[in-house]
Amino acid sequence: MDVILNVELAGRQGTEVAMHTTNQNTIFEYKVWMSQLISIEIFDLTGKIVDQIFNGILNSGSHSINYNITALYSGIYIYKIIR
């Protein structure tokens, strides 16, 4: 299965992102410079939200989320981090 995730940052100040993909999982690693509300969403190329990975308040520091991509069809997806 080929799944490609591209990043789009909304309000990118104060956020750093890295992504590591294996056959079935993607690990999103990111740093938040101050405590804030964060939402991470995945969209298909038509702009439809496919999944919301996280929605909540995070304290400053490094964080990671392990996301299982086997539920996604092969294709290209965009993930957006909204703060």
Protein backbone atom coordinates (compact mmCIF):
# COMPACT_ATOMS: atom_id res chain seq x y z
CA MET A 1 0.00 0.00 0.00
CA ASP A 2 1.33 3.45 -0.90
CA VAL A 3 0.20 6.29 1.33
CA ILE A 4 1.91 9.66 1.10
CA LEU A 5 1.29 12.30 3.75
CA ASN A 6 2.20 15.94 3.21
CA VAL A 7 2.12 18.55 5.96
CA GLU A 8 0.30 21.86 6.09
CA LEU A 9 0.75 23.98 9.19
CA ALA A 10 -1.93 26.46 10.16
CA GLY A 11 -0.52 29.00 12.59
CA ARG A 12 2.91 27.42 12.30
CA GLN A 13 4.65 29.69 14.81
CA GLY A 14 5.60 27.65 17.85
CA THR A 15 5.33 24.22 16.23
CA GLU A 16 7.97 21.89 14.72
CA VAL A 17 7.00 18.65 12.96
CA ALA A 18 8.78 15.47 11.85
CA MET A 19 7.16 12.38 10.36
CA HIS A 20 8.43 8.81 10.11
CA THR A 21 6.50 6.27 8.03
CA THR A 22 6.74 2.47 7.98
CA ASN A 23 4.48 0.00 6.14
CA GLN A 24 1.56 0.36 8.55
CA ASN A 25 2.34 3.26 10.87
CA THR A 26 3.28 6.89 10.76
CA ILE A 27 4.79 8.56 13.78
CA PHE A 28 4.13 12.27 14.02
CA GLU A 29 6.73 13.96 16.21
CA TYR A 30 6.31 17.61 17.03
CA LYS A 31 7.37 20.27 19.49
CA VAL A 32 5.03 22.80 21.01
CA TRP A 33 6.71 25.92 22.37
CA MET A 34 3.85 26.90 24.69
CA SER A 35 0.79 25.20 26.14
CA GLN A 36 -1.96 25.40 23.50
CA LEU A 37 -4.92 23.75 21.81
CA ILE A 38 -3.72 21.51 18.94
CA SER A 39 -5.73 19.67 16.30
CA ILE A 40 -4.17 17.22 13.84
CA GLU A 41 -6.35 16.24 10.87
CA ILE A 42 -5.84 14.18 7.71
CA PHE A 43 -7.46 15.25 4.42
CA ASP A 44 -7.74 13.59 1.03
CA LEU A 45 -6.88 15.61 -2.08
CA THR A 46 -10.50 16.76 -2.47
CA GLY A 47 -10.25 18.50 0.91
CA LYS A 48 -12.47 16.02 2.75
CA ILE A 49 -11.42 15.28 6.34
CA VAL A 50 -10.49 11.59 6.48
CA ASP A 51 -9.54 11.43 10.16
CA GLN A 52 -8.82 13.58 13.18
CA ILE A 53 -5.74 12.20 14.90
CA PHE A 54 -5.69 14.52 17.89
CA ASN A 55 -7.70 17.41 19.32
CA GLY A 56 -6.77 18.77 22.73
CA ILE A 57 -4.52 20.94 24.83
CA LEU A 58 -0.82 20.08 24.91
CA ASN A 59 1.81 21.41 27.28
CA SER A 60 5.03 22.82 25.87
CA GLY A 61 7.62 20.23 24.90
CA SER A 62 8.10 17.29 22.53
CA HIS A 63 5.17 15.02 21.67
CA SER A 64 4.54 12.09 19.32
CA ILE A 65 1.53 10.21 18.01
CA ASN A 66 1.65 6.78 16.39
CA TYR A 67 -0.97 6.64 13.61
CA ASN A 68 -1.98 3.39 11.90
CA ILE A 69 -2.41 4.10 8.17
CA THR A 70 -3.90 0.71 7.20
CA ALA A 71 -7.43 2.20 7.24
CA LEU A 72 -6.46 4.64 4.46
CA TYR A 73 -6.77 3.76 0.80
CA SER A 74 -3.61 3.99 -1.28
CA GLY A 75 -3.07 7.58 -2.29
CA ILE A 76 -1.81 10.98 -1.30
CA TYR A 77 -3.08 12.67 1.84
CA ILE A 78 -2.42 15.98 3.54
CA TYR A 79 -2.23 16.39 7.27
CA LYS A 80 -2.80 19.70 8.95
CA ILE A 81 -1.73 20.79 12.39
CA ILE A 82 -3.95 23.57 13.64
CA ARG A 83 -3.12 25.57 16.70
